[in-house]
């Protein structure tokens, strides 16, 4: 049996930008992507702590060290600059393998920088 399990989590980062007139996606500082084991174009779930919104999109690389977290396209309407979000990614794996799997979870500071 295959199950879906949390692979990565960026816990509590601040939205720094929202760009409505863009194709779509979430731009994430490449340092945060590396630390959370995320890759460009990976599907992610976004949970907005401020308003409870949940959405799915894909990752694009942001400037390394910038702290940038930008929702692009229509999903920009579901956040405000300064909102706190959690970013999740999931993987599919064998049930027994999933029992032993440990996700990558990072807790950036209030400037979206690695601690």
PDB file of N, CA and C in Angstrom:
ATOM      1  N   UNK A   1       0.839  -1.179   0.000  1.00  0.00           N
ATOM      2  CA  UNK A   1       0.000   0.000   0.000  1.00  0.00           C
ATOM      3  C   UNK A   1       0.885   1.243   0.000  1.00  0.00           C
ATOM      4  N   UNK A   2       0.494   2.239  -0.759  1.00  0.00           N
ATOM      5  CA  UNK A   2       1.169   3.534  -0.804  1.00  0.00           C
ATOM      6  C   UNK A   2       0.313   4.552  -0.047  1.00  0.00           C
ATOM      7  N   UNK A   3       0.969   5.414   0.738  1.00  0.00           N
ATOM      8  CA  UNK A   3       0.251   6.480   1.429  1.00  0.00           C
ATOM      9  C   UNK A   3       0.955   7.802   1.201  1.00  0.00           C
ATOM     10  N   UNK A   4       0.208   8.879   1.393  1.00  0.00           N
ATOM     11  CA  UNK A   4       0.786  10.210   1.274  1.00  0.00           C
ATOM     12  C   UNK A   4       1.192  10.668   2.664  1.00  0.00           C
ATOM     13  N   UNK A   5       2.403  11.217   2.763  1.00  0.00           N
ATOM     14  CA  UNK A   5       2.949  11.612   4.063  1.00  0.00           C
ATOM     15  C   UNK A   5       3.650  12.961   3.925  1.00  0.00           C
ATOM     16  N   UNK A   6       3.662  13.738   5.015  1.00  0.00           N
ATOM     17  CA  UNK A   6       4.351  15.027   4.981  1.00  0.00           C
ATOM     18  C   UNK A   6       5.848  14.791   4.761  1.00  0.00           C
ATOM     19  N   UNK A   7       6.415  15.464   3.766  1.00  0.00           N
ATOM     20  CA  UNK A   7       7.839  15.359   3.439  1.00  0.00           C
ATOM     21  C   UNK A   7       8.619  16.534   4.013  1.00  0.00           C
ATOM     22  N   UNK A   8       8.061  17.750   3.880  1.00  0.00           N
ATOM     23  CA  UNK A   8       8.758  18.971   4.273  1.00  0.00           C
ATOM     24  C   UNK A   8       7.773  19.963   4.859  1.00  0.00           C
ATOM     25  N   UNK A   9       8.296  20.824   5.748  1.00  0.00           N
ATOM     26  CA  UNK A   9       7.456  21.868   6.336  1.00  0.00           C
ATOM     27  C   UNK A   9       8.317  23.086   6.657  1.00  0.00           C
ATOM     28  N   UNK A  10       7.868  24.248   6.190  1.00  0.00           N
ATOM     29  CA  UNK A  10       8.450  25.518   6.610  1.00  0.00           C
ATOM     30  C   UNK A  10       7.406  26.136   7.533  1.00  0.00           C
ATOM     31  N   UNK A  11       7.724  26.192   8.807  1.00  0.00           N
ATOM     32  CA  UNK A  11       6.756  26.607   9.814  1.00  0.00           C
ATOM     33  C   UNK A  11       6.861  28.093  10.125  1.00  0.00           C
ATOM     34  N   UNK A  12       5.777  28.792   9.874  1.00  0.00           N
ATOM     35  CA  UNK A  12       5.636  30.210  10.218  1.00  0.00           C
ATOM     36  C   UNK A  12       6.660  31.114   9.518  1.00  0.00           C
ATOM     37  N   UNK A  13       6.414  31.340   8.241  1.00  0.00           N
ATOM     38  CA  UNK A  13       7.163  32.370   7.518  1.00  0.00           C
ATOM     39  C   UNK A  13       6.193  33.489   7.167  1.00  0.00           C
ATOM     40  N   UNK A  14       6.752  34.660   6.969  1.00  0.00           N
ATOM     41  CA  UNK A  14       5.948  35.852   6.719  1.00  0.00           C
ATOM     42  C   UNK A  14       5.879  36.139   5.222  1.00  0.00           C
ATOM     43  N   UNK A  15       4.680  36.444   4.732  1.00  0.00           N
ATOM     44  CA  UNK A  15       4.512  36.861   3.347  1.00  0.00           C
ATOM     45  C   UNK A  15       5.193  38.217   3.172  1.00  0.00           C
ATOM     46  N   UNK A  16       6.128  38.281   2.226  1.00  0.00           N
ATOM     47  CA  UNK A  16       6.840  39.534   1.972  1.00  0.00           C
ATOM     48  C   UNK A  16       6.309  40.263   0.740  1.00  0.00           C
ATOM     49  N   UNK A  17       5.550  39.529  -0.094  1.00  0.00           N
ATOM     50  CA  UNK A  17       5.091  40.111  -1.353  1.00  0.00           C
ATOM     51  C   UNK A  17       3.921  39.279  -1.864  1.00  0.00           C
ATOM     52  N   UNK A  18       3.009  39.914  -2.599  1.00  0.00           N
ATOM     53  CA  UNK A  18       1.911  39.225  -3.281  1.00  0.00           C
ATOM     54  C   UNK A  18       1.771  39.873  -4.661  1.00  0.00           C
ATOM     55  N   UNK A  19       1.932  39.074  -5.703  1.00  0.00           N
ATOM     56  CA  UNK A  19       1.932  39.594  -7.081  1.00  0.00           C
ATOM     57  C   UNK A  19       0.764  38.978  -7.853  1.00  0.00           C
ATOM     58  N   UNK A  20      -0.336  39.704  -7.941  1.00  0.00           N
ATOM     59  CA  UNK A  20      -1.536  39.201  -8.605  1.00  0.00           C
ATOM     60  C   UNK A  20      -1.305  38.932 -10.090  1.00  0.00           C
ATOM     61  N   UNK A  21      -0.630  39.820 -10.771  1.00  0.00           N
ATOM     62  CA  UNK A  21      -0.471  39.699 -12.222  1.00  0.00           C
ATOM     63  C   UNK A  21       0.792  38.915 -12.568  1.00  0.00           C
ATOM     64  N   UNK A  22       0.723  37.628 -12.275  1.00  0.00           N
ATOM     65  CA  UNK A  22       1.817  36.694 -12.513  1.00  0.00           C
ATOM     66  C   UNK A  22       1.178  35.358 -12.838  1.00  0.00           C
ATOM     67  N   UNK A  23       1.896  34.481 -13.485  1.00  0.00           N
ATOM     68  CA  UNK A  23       1.338  33.208 -13.935  1.00  0.00           C
ATOM     69  C   UNK A  23       0.834  32.348 -12.781  1.00  0.00           C
ATOM     70  N   UNK A  24       1.510  32.336 -11.673  1.00  0.00           N
ATOM     71  CA  UNK A  24       1.099  31.524 -10.521  1.00  0.00           C
ATOM     72  C   UNK A  24       2.308  31.056  -9.750  1.00  0.00           C
ATOM     73  N   UNK A  25       2.108  30.441  -8.608  1.00  0.00           N
ATOM     74  CA  UNK A  25       3.159  29.813  -7.809  1.00  0.00           C
ATOM     75  C   UNK A  25       3.442  30.563  -6.522  1.00  0.00           C
ATOM     76  N   UNK A  26       4.414  30.052  -5.775  1.00  0.00           N
ATOM     77  CA  UNK A  26       4.949  30.736  -4.600  1.00  0.00           C
ATOM     78  C   UNK A  26       6.456  30.836  -4.772  1.00  0.00           C
ATOM     79  N   UNK A  27       6.980  32.028  -4.613  1.00  0.00           N
ATOM     80  CA  UNK A  27       8.418  32.255  -4.670  1.00  0.00           C
ATOM     81  C   UNK A  27       8.953  32.109  -3.250  1.00  0.00           C
ATOM     82  N   UNK A  28       9.966  31.249  -3.087  1.00  0.00           N
ATOM     83  CA  UNK A  28      10.557  30.989  -1.776  1.00  0.00           C
ATOM     84  C   UNK A  28      12.066  31.195  -1.866  1.00  0.00           C
ATOM     85  N   UNK A  29      12.603  31.930  -0.904  1.00  0.00           N
ATOM     86  CA  UNK A  29      14.056  32.110  -0.778  1.00  0.00           C
ATOM     87  C   UNK A  29      14.735  30.750  -0.943  1.00  0.00           C
ATOM     88  N   UNK A  30      15.722  30.683  -1.822  1.00  0.00           N
ATOM     89  CA  UNK A  30      16.388  29.415  -2.115  1.00  0.00           C
ATOM     90  C   UNK A  30      17.070  28.798  -0.890  1.00  0.00           C
ATOM     91  N   UNK A  31      17.538  29.611   0.054  1.00  0.00           N
ATOM     92  CA  UNK A  31      18.100  29.057   1.300  1.00  0.00           C
ATOM     93  C   UNK A  31      17.044  28.275   2.067  1.00  0.00           C
ATOM     94  N   UNK A  32      15.829  28.815   2.126  1.00  0.00           N
ATOM     95  CA  UNK A  32      14.742  28.117   2.808  1.00  0.00           C
ATOM     96  C   UNK A  32      14.349  26.851   2.056  1.00  0.00           C
ATOM     97  N   UNK A  33      14.326  26.927   0.726  1.00  0.00           N
ATOM     98  CA  UNK A  33      14.029  25.732  -0.078  1.00  0.00           C
ATOM     99  C   UNK A  33      15.025  24.619   0.229  1.00  0.00           C
ATOM    100  N   UNK A  34      16.307  24.944   0.211  1.00  0.00           N
ATOM    101  CA  UNK A  34      17.336  23.935   0.472  1.00  0.00           C
ATOM    102  C   UNK A  34      17.178  23.337   1.868  1.00  0.00           C
ATOM    103  N   UNK A  35      16.990  24.201   2.855  1.00  0.00           N
ATOM    104  CA  UNK A  35      16.888  23.730   4.239  1.00  0.00           C
ATOM    105  C   UNK A  35      15.669  22.837   4.449  1.00  0.00           C
ATOM    106  N   UNK A  36      14.576  23.123   3.716  1.00  0.00           N
ATOM    107  CA  UNK A  36      13.340  22.353   3.860  1.00  0.00           C
ATOM    108  C   UNK A  36      13.260  21.181   2.889  1.00  0.00           C
ATOM    109  N   UNK A  37      14.303  20.997   2.082  1.00  0.00           N
ATOM    110  CA  UNK A  37      14.319  19.890   1.121  1.00  0.00           C
ATOM    111  C   UNK A  37      13.206  20.027   0.077  1.00  0.00           C
ATOM    112  N   UNK A  38      13.028  21.251  -0.428  1.00  0.00           N
ATOM    113  CA  UNK A  38      12.065  21.532  -1.489  1.00  0.00           C
ATOM    114  C   UNK A  38      12.812  21.808  -2.787  1.00  0.00           C
ATOM    115  N   UNK A  39      12.190  21.460  -3.904  1.00  0.00           N
ATOM    116  CA  UNK A  39      12.792  21.750  -5.202  1.00  0.00           C
ATOM    117  C   UNK A  39      11.843  22.603  -6.038  1.00  0.00           C
ATOM    118  N   UNK A  40      12.419  23.270  -7.021  1.00  0.00           N
ATOM    119  CA  UNK A  40      11.619  24.103  -7.912  1.00  0.00           C
ATOM    120  C   UNK A  40      10.556  23.256  -8.606  1.00  0.00           C
ATOM    121  N   UNK A  41       9.368  23.795  -8.729  1.00  0.00           N
ATOM    122  CA  UNK A  41       8.195  23.176  -9.347  1.00  0.00           C
ATOM    123  C   UNK A  41       7.516  22.118  -8.480  1.00  0.00           C
ATOM    124  N   UNK A  42       8.008  21.900  -7.272  1.00  0.00           N
ATOM    125  CA  UNK A  42       7.365  20.937  -6.375  1.00  0.00           C
ATOM    126  C   UNK A  42       6.019  21.487  -5.909  1.00  0.00           C
ATOM    127  N   UNK A  43       5.024  20.620  -5.853  1.00  0.00           N
ATOM    128  CA  UNK A  43       3.701  20.996  -5.363  1.00  0.00           C
ATOM    129  C   UNK A  43       3.759  21.207  -3.855  1.00  0.00           C
ATOM    130  N   UNK A  44       3.154  22.299  -3.382  1.00  0.00           N
ATOM    131  CA  UNK A  44       3.103  22.593  -1.952  1.00  0.00           C
ATOM    132  C   UNK A  44       1.691  23.020  -1.561  1.00  0.00           C
ATOM    133  N   UNK A  45       1.411  22.847  -0.286  1.00  0.00           N
ATOM    134  CA  UNK A  45       0.176  23.343   0.309  1.00  0.00           C
ATOM    135  C   UNK A  45       0.551  24.528   1.190  1.00  0.00           C
ATOM    136  N   UNK A  46      -0.235  25.592   1.106  1.00  0.00           N
ATOM    137  CA  UNK A  46      -0.017  26.793   1.899  1.00  0.00           C
ATOM    138  C   UNK A  46      -1.190  26.937   2.861  1.00  0.00           C
ATOM    139  N   UNK A  47      -0.882  27.159   4.129  1.00  0.00           N
ATOM    140  CA  UNK A  47      -1.911  27.406   5.135  1.00  0.00           C
ATOM    141  C   UNK A  47      -1.644  28.783   5.729  1.00  0.00           C
ATOM    142  N   UNK A  48      -2.625  29.672   5.626  1.00  0.00           N
ATOM    143  CA  UNK A  48      -2.480  31.033   6.128  1.00  0.00           C
ATOM    144  C   UNK A  48      -2.958  31.069   7.580  1.00  0.00           C
ATOM    145  N   UNK A  49      -2.042  31.331   8.493  1.00  0.00           N
ATOM    146  CA  UNK A  49      -2.365  31.363   9.918  1.00  0.00           C
ATOM    147  C   UNK A  49      -3.306  32.531  10.233  1.00  0.00           C
ATOM    148  N   UNK A  50      -3.183  33.640   9.519  1.00  0.00           N
ATOM    149  CA  UNK A  50      -3.978  34.829   9.809  1.00  0.00           C
ATOM    150  C   UNK A  50      -5.453  34.680   9.454  1.00  0.00           C
ATOM    151  N   UNK A  51      -5.756  33.991   8.342  1.00  0.00           N
ATOM    152  CA  UNK A  51      -7.160  33.936   7.918  1.00  0.00           C
ATOM    153  C   UNK A  51      -7.699  32.525   7.674  1.00  0.00           C
ATOM    154  N   UNK A  52      -6.874  31.512   7.870  1.00  0.00           N
ATOM    155  CA  UNK A  52      -7.335  30.129   7.722  1.00  0.00           C
ATOM    156  C   UNK A  52      -7.385  29.611   6.291  1.00  0.00           C
ATOM    157  N   UNK A  53      -7.047  30.428   5.314  1.00  0.00           N
ATOM    158  CA  UNK A  53      -7.056  29.986   3.911  1.00  0.00           C
ATOM    159  C   UNK A  53      -6.067  28.844   3.698  1.00  0.00           C
ATOM    160  N   UNK A  54      -6.433  27.916   2.829  1.00  0.00           N
ATOM    161  CA  UNK A  54      -5.560  26.819   2.423  1.00  0.00           C
ATOM    162  C   UNK A  54      -5.558  26.780   0.899  1.00  0.00           C
ATOM    163  N   UNK A  55      -4.392  26.581   0.307  1.00  0.00           N
ATOM    164  CA  UNK A  55      -4.318  26.491  -1.147  1.00  0.00           C
ATOM    165  C   UNK A  55      -3.123  25.638  -1.545  1.00  0.00           C
ATOM    166  N   UNK A  56      -3.143  25.205  -2.777  1.00  0.00           N
ATOM    167  CA  UNK A  56      -2.028  24.440  -3.338  1.00  0.00           C
ATOM    168  C   UNK A  56      -1.464  25.199  -4.523  1.00  0.00           C
ATOM    169  N   UNK A  57      -0.149  25.108  -4.673  1.00  0.00           N
ATOM    170  CA  UNK A  57       0.535  25.729  -5.802  1.00  0.00           C
ATOM    171  C   UNK A  57       1.867  25.014  -5.985  1.00  0.00           C
ATOM    172  N   UNK A  58       2.791  25.628  -6.694  1.00  0.00           N
ATOM    173  CA  UNK A  58       4.112  25.037  -6.895  1.00  0.00           C
ATOM    174  C   UNK A  58       5.184  26.070  -6.582  1.00  0.00           C
ATOM    175  N   UNK A  59       6.385  25.589  -6.335  1.00  0.00           N
ATOM    176  CA  UNK A  59       7.500  26.421  -5.873  1.00  0.00           C
ATOM    177  C   UNK A  59       8.329  26.958  -7.034  1.00  0.00           C
ATOM    178  N   UNK A  60       8.706  28.238  -6.938  1.00  0.00           N
ATOM    179  CA  UNK A  60       9.769  28.770  -7.788  1.00  0.00           C
ATOM    180  C   UNK A  60      10.835  29.378  -6.872  1.00  0.00           C
ATOM    181  N   UNK A  61      12.072  29.356  -7.356  1.00  0.00           N
ATOM    182  CA  UNK A  61      13.202  29.838  -6.559  1.00  0.00           C
ATOM    183  C   UNK A  61      13.178  31.350  -6.413  1.00  0.00           C
ATOM    184  N   UNK A  62      13.399  31.767  -5.166  1.00  0.00           N
ATOM    185  CA  UNK A  62      13.592  33.182  -4.890  1.00  0.00           C
ATOM    186  C   UNK A  62      15.060  33.449  -4.606  1.00  0.00           C
ATOM    187  N   UNK A  63      15.426  34.700  -4.612  1.00  0.00           N
ATOM    188  CA  UNK A  63      16.815  35.086  -4.378  1.00  0.00           C
ATOM    189  C   UNK A  63      17.315  34.539  -3.043  1.00  0.00           C
ATOM    190  N   UNK A  64      18.450  33.858  -3.117  1.00  0.00           N
ATOM    191  CA  UNK A  64      19.067  33.249  -1.934  1.00  0.00           C
ATOM    192  C   UNK A  64      19.386  34.314  -0.886  1.00  0.00           C
ATOM    193  N   UNK A  65      18.966  34.055   0.355  1.00  0.00           N
ATOM    194  CA  UNK A  65      19.248  34.955   1.455  1.00  0.00           C
ATOM    195  C   UNK A  65      18.309  36.149   1.571  1.00  0.00           C
ATOM    196  N   UNK A  66      17.347  36.249   0.664  1.00  0.00           N
ATOM    197  CA  UNK A  66      16.452  37.415   0.631  1.00  0.00           C
ATOM    198  C   UNK A  66      15.317  37.342   1.649  1.00  0.00           C
ATOM    199  N   UNK A  67      14.973  36.136   2.099  1.00  0.00           N
ATOM    200  CA  UNK A  67      13.821  35.968   2.975  1.00  0.00           C
ATOM    201  C   UNK A  67      12.499  36.084   2.231  1.00  0.00           C
ATOM    202  N   UNK A  68      12.562  36.125   0.915  1.00  0.00           N
ATOM    203  CA  UNK A  68      11.365  36.348   0.094  1.00  0.00           C
ATOM    204  C   UNK A  68      10.393  35.171   0.165  1.00  0.00           C
ATOM    205  N   UNK A  69       9.138  35.505   0.440  1.00  0.00           N
ATOM    206  CA  UNK A  69       8.021  34.575   0.362  1.00  0.00           C
ATOM    207  C   UNK A  69       6.920  35.347  -0.351  1.00  0.00           C
ATOM    208  N   UNK A  70       6.679  35.003  -1.612  1.00  0.00           N
ATOM    209  CA  UNK A  70       5.742  35.764  -2.439  1.00  0.00           C
ATOM    210  C   UNK A  70       4.732  34.833  -3.083  1.00  0.00           C
ATOM    211  N   UNK A  71       3.456  35.074  -2.821  1.00  0.00           N
ATOM    212  CA  UNK A  71       2.414  34.339  -3.531  1.00  0.00           C
ATOM    213  C   UNK A  71       2.106  35.075  -4.816  1.00  0.00           C
ATOM    214  N   UNK A  72       2.066  34.336  -5.905  1.00  0.00           N
ATOM    215  CA  UNK A  72       1.899  34.899  -7.234  1.00  0.00           C
ATOM    216  C   UNK A  72       0.580  34.454  -7.854  1.00  0.00           C
ATOM    217  N   UNK A  73       0.061  35.259  -8.760  1.00  0.00           N
ATOM    218  CA  UNK A  73      -1.155  34.918  -9.478  1.00  0.00           C
ATOM    219  C   UNK A  73      -2.392  35.013  -8.586  1.00  0.00           C
ATOM    220  N   UNK A  74      -3.449  34.289  -8.934  1.00  0.00           N
ATOM    221  CA  UNK A  74      -4.710  34.390  -8.198  1.00  0.00           C
ATOM    222  C   UNK A  74      -4.592  34.119  -6.698  1.00  0.00           C
ATOM    223  N   UNK A  75      -3.661  33.272  -6.294  1.00  0.00           N
ATOM    224  CA  UNK A  75      -3.527  32.981  -4.860  1.00  0.00           C
ATOM    225  C   UNK A  75      -3.036  34.196  -4.074  1.00  0.00           C
ATOM    226  N   UNK A  76      -2.532  35.222  -4.764  1.00  0.00           N
ATOM    227  CA  UNK A  76      -2.129  36.461  -4.089  1.00  0.00           C
ATOM    228  C   UNK A  76      -3.325  37.127  -3.413  1.00  0.00           C
ATOM    229  N   UNK A  77      -4.529  36.823  -3.889  1.00  0.00           N
ATOM    230  CA  UNK A  77      -5.739  37.385  -3.278  1.00  0.00           C
ATOM    231  C   UNK A  77      -6.064  36.737  -1.926  1.00  0.00           C
ATOM    232  N   UNK A  78      -5.401  35.641  -1.601  1.00  0.00           N
ATOM    233  CA  UNK A  78      -5.721  34.900  -0.385  1.00  0.00           C
ATOM    234  C   UNK A  78      -4.755  35.184   0.760  1.00  0.00           C
ATOM    235  N   UNK A  79      -3.855  36.155   0.544  1.00  0.00           N
ATOM    236  CA  UNK A  79      -2.898  36.557   1.578  1.00  0.00           C
ATOM    237  C   UNK A  79      -2.755  38.072   1.576  1.00  0.00           C
ATOM    238  N   UNK A  80      -2.154  38.567   2.637  1.00  0.00           N
ATOM    239  CA  UNK A  80      -1.748  39.971   2.704  1.00  0.00           C
ATOM    240  C   UNK A  80      -0.290  39.981   3.125  1.00  0.00           C
ATOM    241  N   UNK A  81       0.452  40.952   2.639  1.00  0.00           N
ATOM    242  CA  UNK A  81       1.846  41.091   3.069  1.00  0.00           C
ATOM    243  C   UNK A  81       1.852  41.177   4.593  1.00  0.00           C
ATOM    244  N   UNK A  82       2.714  40.386   5.210  1.00  0.00           N
ATOM    245  CA  UNK A  82       2.801  40.327   6.669  1.00  0.00           C
ATOM    246  C   UNK A  82       2.091  39.123   7.266  1.00  0.00           C
ATOM    247  N   UNK A  83       1.199  38.475   6.503  1.00  0.00           N
ATOM    248  CA  UNK A  83       0.537  37.263   7.006  1.00  0.00           C
ATOM    249  C   UNK A  83       1.568  36.182   7.283  1.00  0.00           C
ATOM    250  N   UNK A  84       1.300  35.384   8.294  1.00  0.00           N
ATOM    251  CA  UNK A  84       2.146  34.230   8.613  1.00  0.00           C
ATOM    252  C   UNK A  84       1.538  33.001   7.950  1.00  0.00           C
ATOM    253  N   UNK A  85       2.395  32.200   7.307  1.00  0.00           N
ATOM    254  CA  UNK A  85       1.919  30.982   6.653  1.00  0.00           C
ATOM    255  C   UNK A  85       2.779  29.791   7.060  1.00  0.00           C
ATOM    256  N   UNK A  86       2.260  28.617   6.774  1.00  0.00           N
ATOM    257  CA  UNK A  86       3.004  27.370   6.894  1.00  0.00           C
ATOM    258  C   UNK A  86       2.993  26.743   5.503  1.00  0.00           C
ATOM    259  N   UNK A  87       4.140  26.240   5.073  1.00  0.00           N
ATOM    260  CA  UNK A  87       4.273  25.619   3.755  1.00  0.00           C
ATOM    261  C   UNK A  87       4.572  24.135   3.959  1.00  0.00           C
ATOM    262  N   UNK A  88       3.747  23.279   3.354  1.00  0.00           N
ATOM    263  CA  UNK A  88       3.910  21.825   3.456  1.00  0.00           C
ATOM    264  C   UNK A  88       4.159  21.227   2.084  1.00  0.00           C
ATOM    265  N   UNK A  89       4.943  20.164   2.023  1.00  0.00           N
ATOM    266  CA  UNK A  89       4.985  19.321   0.829  1.00  0.00           C
ATOM    267  C   UNK A  89       4.806  17.880   1.286  1.00  0.00           C
ATOM    268  N   UNK A  90       4.330  17.064   0.385  1.00  0.00           N
ATOM    269  CA  UNK A  90       4.005  15.676   0.705  1.00  0.00           C
ATOM    270  C   UNK A  90       4.667  14.748  -0.291  1.00  0.00           C
ATOM    271  N   UNK A  91       4.886  13.516   0.130  1.00  0.00           N
ATOM    272  CA  UNK A  91       5.422  12.490  -0.748  1.00  0.00           C
ATOM    273  C   UNK A  91       4.573  11.234  -0.631  1.00  0.00           C
ATOM    274  N   UNK A  92       4.695  10.384  -1.609  1.00  0.00           N
ATOM    275  CA  UNK A  92       3.977   9.110  -1.594  1.00  0.00           C
ATOM    276  C   UNK A  92       5.006   8.012  -1.405  1.00  0.00           C
ATOM    277  N   UNK A  93       4.755   7.154  -0.434  1.00  0.00           N
ATOM    278  CA  UNK A  93       5.702   6.065  -0.180  1.00  0.00           C
ATOM    279  C   UNK A  93       4.983   4.850   0.366  1.00  0.00           C
ATOM    280  N   UNK A  94       5.709   3.774   0.399  1.00  0.00           N
ATOM    281  CA  UNK A  94       5.206   2.527   0.929  1.00  0.00           C
ATOM    282  C   UNK A  94       4.846   2.703   2.410  1.00  0.00           C
ATOM    283  N   UNK A  95       3.789   2.054   2.853  1.00  0.00           N
ATOM    284  CA  UNK A  95       3.291   2.174   4.215  1.00  0.00           C
ATOM    285  C   UNK A  95       4.371   1.875   5.251  1.00  0.00           C
ATOM    286  N   UNK A  96       5.110   0.803   5.076  1.00  0.00           N
ATOM    287  CA  UNK A  96       6.152   0.428   6.046  1.00  0.00           C
ATOM    288  C   UNK A  96       7.297   1.434   6.035  1.00  0.00           C
ATOM    289  N   UNK A  97       7.676   1.902   4.860  1.00  0.00           N
ATOM    290  CA  UNK A  97       8.719   2.925   4.741  1.00  0.00           C
ATOM    291  C   UNK A  97       8.269   4.219   5.426  1.00  0.00           C
ATOM    292  N   UNK A  98       7.015   4.561   5.260  1.00  0.00           N
ATOM    293  CA  UNK A  98       6.472   5.793   5.841  1.00  0.00           C
ATOM    294  C   UNK A  98       6.531   5.771   7.370  1.00  0.00           C
ATOM    295  N   UNK A  99       6.414   4.611   7.971  1.00  0.00           N
ATOM    296  CA  UNK A  99       6.475   4.500   9.433  1.00  0.00           C
ATOM    297  C   UNK A  99       7.823   4.974   9.976  1.00  0.00           C
ATOM    298  N   UNK A 100       8.881   4.825   9.176  1.00  0.00           N
ATOM    299  CA  UNK A 100      10.238   5.164   9.609  1.00  0.00           C
ATOM    300  C   UNK A 100      10.692   6.542   9.116  1.00  0.00           C
ATOM    301  N   UNK A 101       9.935   7.106   8.187  1.00  0.00           N
ATOM    302  CA  UNK A 101      10.338   8.362   7.551  1.00  0.00           C
ATOM    303  C   UNK A 101      10.240   9.535   8.521  1.00  0.00           C
ATOM    304  N   UNK A 102      11.232  10.422   8.484  1.00  0.00           N
ATOM    305  CA  UNK A 102      11.242  11.649   9.287  1.00  0.00           C
ATOM    306  C   UNK A 102      11.221  12.847   8.337  1.00  0.00           C
ATOM    307  N   UNK A 103      10.169  13.661   8.397  1.00  0.00           N
ATOM    308  CA  UNK A 103      10.106  14.831   7.511  1.00  0.00           C
ATOM    309  C   UNK A 103      11.129  15.898   7.897  1.00  0.00           C
ATOM    310  N   UNK A 104      11.426  16.761   6.954  1.00  0.00           N
ATOM    311  CA  UNK A 104      12.293  17.918   7.201  1.00  0.00           C
ATOM    312  C   UNK A 104      11.393  19.079   7.614  1.00  0.00           C
ATOM    313  N   UNK A 105      11.639  19.613   8.802  1.00  0.00           N
ATOM    314  CA  UNK A 105      10.842  20.730   9.317  1.00  0.00           C
ATOM    315  C   UNK A 105      11.800  21.845   9.730  1.00  0.00           C
ATOM    316  N   UNK A 106      11.544  23.053   9.212  1.00  0.00           N
ATOM    317  CA  UNK A 106      12.388  24.190   9.599  1.00  0.00           C
ATOM    318  C   UNK A 106      11.522  25.280  10.233  1.00  0.00           C
ATOM    319  N   UNK A 107      12.161  26.055  11.101  1.00  0.00           N
ATOM    320  CA  UNK A 107      11.500  27.121  11.859  1.00  0.00           C
ATOM    321  C   UNK A 107      12.289  28.420  11.652  1.00  0.00           C
ATOM    322  N   UNK A 108      12.049  29.133  10.544  1.00  0.00           N
ATOM    323  CA  UNK A 108      12.782  30.386  10.308  1.00  0.00           C
ATOM    324  C   UNK A 108      12.430  31.442  11.363  1.00  0.00           C
ATOM    325  N   UNK A 109      13.294  32.462  11.446  1.00  0.00           N
ATOM    326  CA  UNK A 109      13.038  33.557  12.390  1.00  0.00           C
ATOM    327  C   UNK A 109      11.987  34.516  11.804  1.00  0.00           C
ATOM    328  N   UNK A 110      11.726  35.615  12.492  1.00  0.00           N
ATOM    329  CA  UNK A 110      10.679  36.542  12.058  1.00  0.00           C
ATOM    330  C   UNK A 110      11.057  37.369  10.833  1.00  0.00           C
ATOM    331  N   UNK A 111      12.281  37.190  10.329  1.00  0.00           N
ATOM    332  CA  UNK A 111      12.719  37.825   9.078  1.00  0.00           C
ATOM    333  C   UNK A 111      12.846  36.801   7.948  1.00  0.00           C
ATOM    334  N   UNK A 112      12.275  35.605   8.159  1.00  0.00           N
ATOM    335  CA  UNK A 112      12.330  34.500   7.191  1.00  0.00           C
ATOM    336  C   UNK A 112      13.756  34.030   6.933  1.00  0.00           C
ATOM    337  N   UNK A 113      14.592  34.098   7.937  1.00  0.00           N
ATOM    338  CA  UNK A 113      15.973  33.632   7.819  1.00  0.00           C
ATOM    339  C   UNK A 113      16.142  32.368   8.652  1.00  0.00           C
ATOM    340  N   UNK A 114      17.064  31.517   8.221  1.00  0.00           N
ATOM    341  CA  UNK A 114      17.353  30.295   8.968  1.00  0.00           C
ATOM    342  C   UNK A 114      17.977  30.629  10.311  1.00  0.00           C
ATOM    343  N   UNK A 115      17.585  29.897  11.303  1.00  0.00           N
ATOM    344  CA  UNK A 115      18.130  30.111  12.660  1.00  0.00           C
ATOM    345  C   UNK A 115      19.355  29.219  12.835  1.00  0.00           C
TER     346      UNK A 115
END
